[in-house]
Amino acid sequence: MGRAWRRASSQRGQGMVEYALILVLVSIVVIVILLTMGNQIQNVFSNVVAALG
């Protein structure tokens, strides 16, 4: 009984680590995109604001 519980607990911990790694990778991709395209995105929003008011 104890081994099965430890194994299940270990697998849950492993799953959490995998989700954390995926979250970190997605965050890095978003940051890189914002850094490379930041000015273009800002121009789009500026144009939208200017058109609205």
PDB file of N, CA and C in Angstrom:
ATOM      1  N   MET A   1       0.826  -1.189   0.000  1.00  0.00           N
ATOM      2  CA  MET A   1       0.000   0.000   0.000  1.00  0.00           C
ATOM      3  C   MET A   1       0.870   1.252   0.000  1.00  0.00           C
ATOM      4  N   GLY A   2       1.910   1.267   0.795  1.00  0.00           N
ATOM      5  CA  GLY A   2       2.761   2.445   0.889  1.00  0.00           C
ATOM      6  C   GLY A   2       3.494   2.745  -0.403  1.00  0.00           C
ATOM      7  N   ARG A   3       3.935   1.704  -1.092  1.00  0.00           N
ATOM      8  CA  ARG A   3       4.659   1.919  -2.352  1.00  0.00           C
ATOM      9  C   ARG A   3       3.756   2.516  -3.418  1.00  0.00           C
ATOM     10  N   ALA A   4       2.546   1.996  -3.512  1.00  0.00           N
ATOM     11  CA  ALA A   4       1.615   2.500  -4.521  1.00  0.00           C
ATOM     12  C   ALA A   4       1.314   3.977  -4.273  1.00  0.00           C
ATOM     13  N   TRP A   5       1.134   4.345  -3.012  1.00  0.00           N
ATOM     14  CA  TRP A   5       0.845   5.744  -2.694  1.00  0.00           C
ATOM     15  C   TRP A   5       2.028   6.632  -3.045  1.00  0.00           C
ATOM     16  N   ARG A   6       3.247   6.165  -2.709  1.00  0.00           N
ATOM     17  CA  ARG A   6       4.445   6.957  -3.024  1.00  0.00           C
ATOM     18  C   ARG A   6       4.606   7.121  -4.529  1.00  0.00           C
ATOM     19  N   ARG A   7       4.320   6.060  -5.288  1.00  0.00           N
ATOM     20  CA  ARG A   7       4.462   6.125  -6.737  1.00  0.00           C
ATOM     21  C   ARG A   7       3.451   7.115  -7.316  1.00  0.00           C
ATOM     22  N   ALA A   8       2.216   7.090  -6.848  1.00  0.00           N
ATOM     23  CA  ALA A   8       1.192   8.020  -7.328  1.00  0.00           C
ATOM     24  C   ALA A   8       1.567   9.449  -6.973  1.00  0.00           C
ATOM     25  N   SER A   9       2.074   9.648  -5.781  1.00  0.00           N
ATOM     26  CA  SER A   9       2.498  10.977  -5.360  1.00  0.00           C
ATOM     27  C   SER A   9       3.651  11.475  -6.216  1.00  0.00           C
ATOM     28  N   SER A  10       4.581  10.579  -6.526  1.00  0.00           N
ATOM     29  CA  SER A  10       5.730  10.930  -7.364  1.00  0.00           C
ATOM     30  C   SER A  10       5.286  11.312  -8.765  1.00  0.00           C
ATOM     31  N   GLN A  11       4.306  10.583  -9.299  1.00  0.00           N
ATOM     32  CA  GLN A  11       3.825  10.887 -10.641  1.00  0.00           C
ATOM     33  C   GLN A  11       3.097  12.223 -10.674  1.00  0.00           C
ATOM     34  N   ARG A  12       2.364  12.538  -9.615  1.00  0.00           N
ATOM     35  CA  ARG A  12       1.702  13.842  -9.561  1.00  0.00           C
ATOM     36  C   ARG A  12       2.737  14.961  -9.525  1.00  0.00           C
ATOM     37  N   GLY A  13       3.797  14.758  -8.755  1.00  0.00           N
ATOM     38  CA  GLY A  13       4.857  15.755  -8.698  1.00  0.00           C
ATOM     39  C   GLY A  13       5.544  15.930 -10.039  1.00  0.00           C
ATOM     40  N   GLN A  14       5.749  14.820 -10.736  1.00  0.00           N
ATOM     41  CA  GLN A  14       6.369  14.878 -12.056  1.00  0.00           C
ATOM     42  C   GLN A  14       5.464  15.644 -13.023  1.00  0.00           C
ATOM     43  N   GLY A  15       4.161  15.422 -12.951  1.00  0.00           N
ATOM     44  CA  GLY A  15       3.225  16.144 -13.814  1.00  0.00           C
ATOM     45  C   GLY A  15       3.252  17.636 -13.543  1.00  0.00           C
ATOM     46  N   MET A  16       3.342  18.011 -12.278  1.00  0.00           N
ATOM     47  CA  MET A  16       3.406  19.437 -11.938  1.00  0.00           C
ATOM     48  C   MET A  16       4.666  20.075 -12.500  1.00  0.00           C
ATOM     49  N   VAL A  17       5.777  19.358 -12.435  1.00  0.00           N
ATOM     50  CA  VAL A  17       7.035  19.879 -12.985  1.00  0.00           C
ATOM     51  C   VAL A  17       6.907  20.048 -14.491  1.00  0.00           C
ATOM     52  N   GLU A  18       6.278  19.093 -15.162  1.00  0.00           N
ATOM     53  CA  GLU A  18       6.110  19.208 -16.607  1.00  0.00           C
ATOM     54  C   GLU A  18       5.238  20.406 -16.962  1.00  0.00           C
ATOM     55  N   TYR A  19       4.151  20.614 -16.232  1.00  0.00           N
ATOM     56  CA  TYR A  19       3.307  21.784 -16.480  1.00  0.00           C
ATOM     57  C   TYR A  19       4.077  23.077 -16.232  1.00  0.00           C
ATOM     58  N   ALA A  20       4.900  23.100 -15.216  1.00  0.00           N
ATOM     59  CA  ALA A  20       5.692  24.301 -14.920  1.00  0.00           C
ATOM     60  C   ALA A  20       6.682  24.584 -16.050  1.00  0.00           C
ATOM     61  N   LEU A  21       7.317  23.535 -16.571  1.00  0.00           N
ATOM     62  CA  LEU A  21       8.256  23.729 -17.681  1.00  0.00           C
ATOM     63  C   LEU A  21       7.545  24.249 -18.923  1.00  0.00           C
ATOM     64  N   ILE A  22       6.366  23.723 -19.213  1.00  0.00           N
ATOM     65  CA  ILE A  22       5.605  24.201 -20.362  1.00  0.00           C
ATOM     66  C   ILE A  22       5.230  25.668 -20.167  1.00  0.00           C
ATOM     67  N   LEU A  23       4.813  26.024 -18.966  1.00  0.00           N
ATOM     68  CA  LEU A  23       4.452  27.411 -18.672  1.00  0.00           C
ATOM     69  C   LEU A  23       5.644  28.342 -18.852  1.00  0.00           C
ATOM     70  N   VAL A  24       6.817  27.915 -18.410  1.00  0.00           N
ATOM     71  CA  VAL A  24       8.033  28.723 -18.568  1.00  0.00           C
ATOM     72  C   VAL A  24       8.368  28.894 -20.044  1.00  0.00           C
ATOM     73  N   LEU A  25       8.273  27.820 -20.827  1.00  0.00           N
ATOM     74  CA  LEU A  25       8.585  27.922 -22.252  1.00  0.00           C
ATOM     75  C   LEU A  25       7.607  28.844 -22.976  1.00  0.00           C
ATOM     76  N   VAL A  26       6.327  28.744 -22.659  1.00  0.00           N
ATOM     77  CA  VAL A  26       5.338  29.627 -23.284  1.00  0.00           C
ATOM     78  C   VAL A  26       5.603  31.076 -22.891  1.00  0.00           C
ATOM     79  N   SER A  27       5.959  31.313 -21.642  1.00  0.00           N
ATOM     80  CA  SER A  27       6.266  32.670 -21.185  1.00  0.00           C
ATOM     81  C   SER A  27       7.460  33.243 -21.924  1.00  0.00           C
ATOM     82  N   ILE A  28       8.488  32.433 -22.119  1.00  0.00           N
ATOM     83  CA  ILE A  28       9.676  32.896 -22.849  1.00  0.00           C
ATOM     84  C   ILE A  28       9.320  33.247 -24.279  1.00  0.00           C
ATOM     85  N   VAL A  29       8.493  32.426 -24.932  1.00  0.00           N
ATOM     86  CA  VAL A  29       8.091  32.706 -26.311  1.00  0.00           C
ATOM     87  C   VAL A  29       7.308  34.012 -26.377  1.00  0.00           C
ATOM     88  N   VAL A  30       6.391  34.240 -25.449  1.00  0.00           N
ATOM     89  CA  VAL A  30       5.602  35.469 -25.442  1.00  0.00           C
ATOM     90  C   VAL A  30       6.501  36.683 -25.226  1.00  0.00           C
ATOM     91  N   ILE A  31       7.451  36.579 -24.326  1.00  0.00           N
ATOM     92  CA  ILE A  31       8.367  37.692 -24.061  1.00  0.00           C
ATOM     93  C   ILE A  31       9.198  38.009 -25.292  1.00  0.00           C
ATOM     94  N   VAL A  32       9.705  36.990 -25.964  1.00  0.00           N
ATOM     95  CA  VAL A  32      10.522  37.211 -27.169  1.00  0.00           C
ATOM     96  C   VAL A  32       9.678  37.874 -28.259  1.00  0.00           C
ATOM     97  N   ILE A  33       8.444  37.414 -28.427  1.00  0.00           N
ATOM     98  CA  ILE A  33       7.571  38.018 -29.438  1.00  0.00           C
ATOM     99  C   ILE A  33       7.302  39.477 -29.112  1.00  0.00           C
ATOM    100  N   LEU A  34       7.009  39.766 -27.848  1.00  0.00           N
ATOM    101  CA  LEU A  34       6.744  41.155 -27.469  1.00  0.00           C
ATOM    102  C   LEU A  34       7.968  42.041 -27.643  1.00  0.00           C
ATOM    103  N   LEU A  35       9.145  41.507 -27.359  1.00  0.00           N
ATOM    104  CA  LEU A  35      10.359  42.309 -27.523  1.00  0.00           C
ATOM    105  C   LEU A  35      10.660  42.584 -28.990  1.00  0.00           C
ATOM    106  N   THR A  36      10.409  41.609 -29.857  1.00  0.00           N
ATOM    107  CA  THR A  36      10.739  41.805 -31.270  1.00  0.00           C
ATOM    108  C   THR A  36       9.664  42.590 -32.012  1.00  0.00           C
ATOM    109  N   MET A  37       8.416  42.466 -31.593  1.00  0.00           N
ATOM    110  CA  MET A  37       7.330  43.121 -32.317  1.00  0.00           C
ATOM    111  C   MET A  37       6.654  44.209 -31.498  1.00  0.00           C
ATOM    112  N   GLY A  38       7.258  44.614 -30.418  1.00  0.00           N
ATOM    113  CA  GLY A  38       6.643  45.579 -29.510  1.00  0.00           C
ATOM    114  C   GLY A  38       6.251  46.878 -30.171  1.00  0.00           C
ATOM    115  N   ASN A  39       7.140  47.426 -30.979  1.00  0.00           N
ATOM    116  CA  ASN A  39       6.851  48.717 -31.621  1.00  0.00           C
ATOM    117  C   ASN A  39       5.700  48.598 -32.607  1.00  0.00           C
ATOM    118  N   GLN A  40       5.661  47.509 -33.343  1.00  0.00           N
ATOM    119  CA  GLN A  40       4.569  47.310 -34.308  1.00  0.00           C
ATOM    120  C   GLN A  40       3.235  47.174 -33.591  1.00  0.00           C
ATOM    121  N   ILE A  41       3.216  46.441 -32.491  1.00  0.00           N
ATOM    122  CA  ILE A  41       1.985  46.279 -31.724  1.00  0.00           C
ATOM    123  C   ILE A  41       1.546  47.621 -31.136  1.00  0.00           C
ATOM    124  N   GLN A  42       2.502  48.396 -30.658  1.00  0.00           N
ATOM    125  CA  GLN A  42       2.173  49.713 -30.106  1.00  0.00           C
ATOM    126  C   GLN A  42       1.582  50.618 -31.185  1.00  0.00           C
ATOM    127  N   ASN A  43       2.125  50.548 -32.391  1.00  0.00           N
ATOM    128  CA  ASN A  43       1.587  51.362 -33.487  1.00  0.00           C
ATOM    129  C   ASN A  43       0.154  50.965 -33.824  1.00  0.00           C
ATOM    130  N   VAL A  44      -0.129  49.689 -33.807  1.00  0.00           N
ATOM    131  CA  VAL A  44      -1.492  49.227 -34.099  1.00  0.00           C
ATOM    132  C   VAL A  44      -2.465  49.779 -33.059  1.00  0.00           C
ATOM    133  N   PHE A  45      -2.111  49.666 -31.792  1.00  0.00           N
ATOM    134  CA  PHE A  45      -2.996  50.174 -30.750  1.00  0.00           C
ATOM    135  C   PHE A  45      -3.127  51.696 -30.822  1.00  0.00           C
ATOM    136  N   SER A  46      -2.060  52.380 -31.145  1.00  0.00           N
ATOM    137  CA  SER A  46      -2.127  53.839 -31.294  1.00  0.00           C
ATOM    138  C   SER A  46      -3.067  54.221 -32.424  1.00  0.00           C
ATOM    139  N   ASN A  47      -3.002  53.485 -33.519  1.00  0.00           N
ATOM    140  CA  ASN A  47      -3.902  53.756 -34.644  1.00  0.00           C
ATOM    141  C   ASN A  47      -5.357  53.511 -34.267  1.00  0.00           C
ATOM    142  N   VAL A  48      -5.620  52.464 -33.500  1.00  0.00           N
ATOM    143  CA  VAL A  48      -6.973  52.164 -33.061  1.00  0.00           C
ATOM    144  C   VAL A  48      -7.504  53.260 -32.159  1.00  0.00           C
ATOM    145  N   VAL A  49      -6.680  53.714 -31.216  1.00  0.00           N
ATOM    146  CA  VAL A  49      -7.085  54.780 -30.304  1.00  0.00           C
ATOM    147  C   VAL A  49      -7.336  56.068 -31.062  1.00  0.00           C
ATOM    148  N   ALA A  50      -6.481  56.381 -32.043  1.00  0.00           N
ATOM    149  CA  ALA A  50      -6.663  57.591 -32.834  1.00  0.00           C
ATOM    150  C   ALA A  50      -7.944  57.523 -33.656  1.00  0.00           C
ATOM    151  N   ALA A  51      -8.265  56.339 -34.157  1.00  0.00           N
ATOM    152  CA  ALA A  51      -9.484  56.197 -34.968  1.00  0.00           C
ATOM    153  C   ALA A  51     -10.732  56.295 -34.100  1.00  0.00           C
ATOM    154  N   LEU A  52     -10.648  55.859 -32.863  1.00  0.00           N
ATOM    155  CA  LEU A  52     -11.805  55.902 -31.973  1.00  0.00           C
ATOM    156  C   LEU A  52     -12.084  57.304 -31.429  1.00  0.00           C
ATOM    157  N   GLY A  53     -11.053  58.082 -31.258  1.00  0.00           N
ATOM    158  CA  GLY A  53     -11.324  59.359 -30.617  1.00  0.00           C
ATOM    159  C   GLY A  53     -10.421  60.391 -31.096  1.00  0.00           C
TER     160      GLY A  53
END
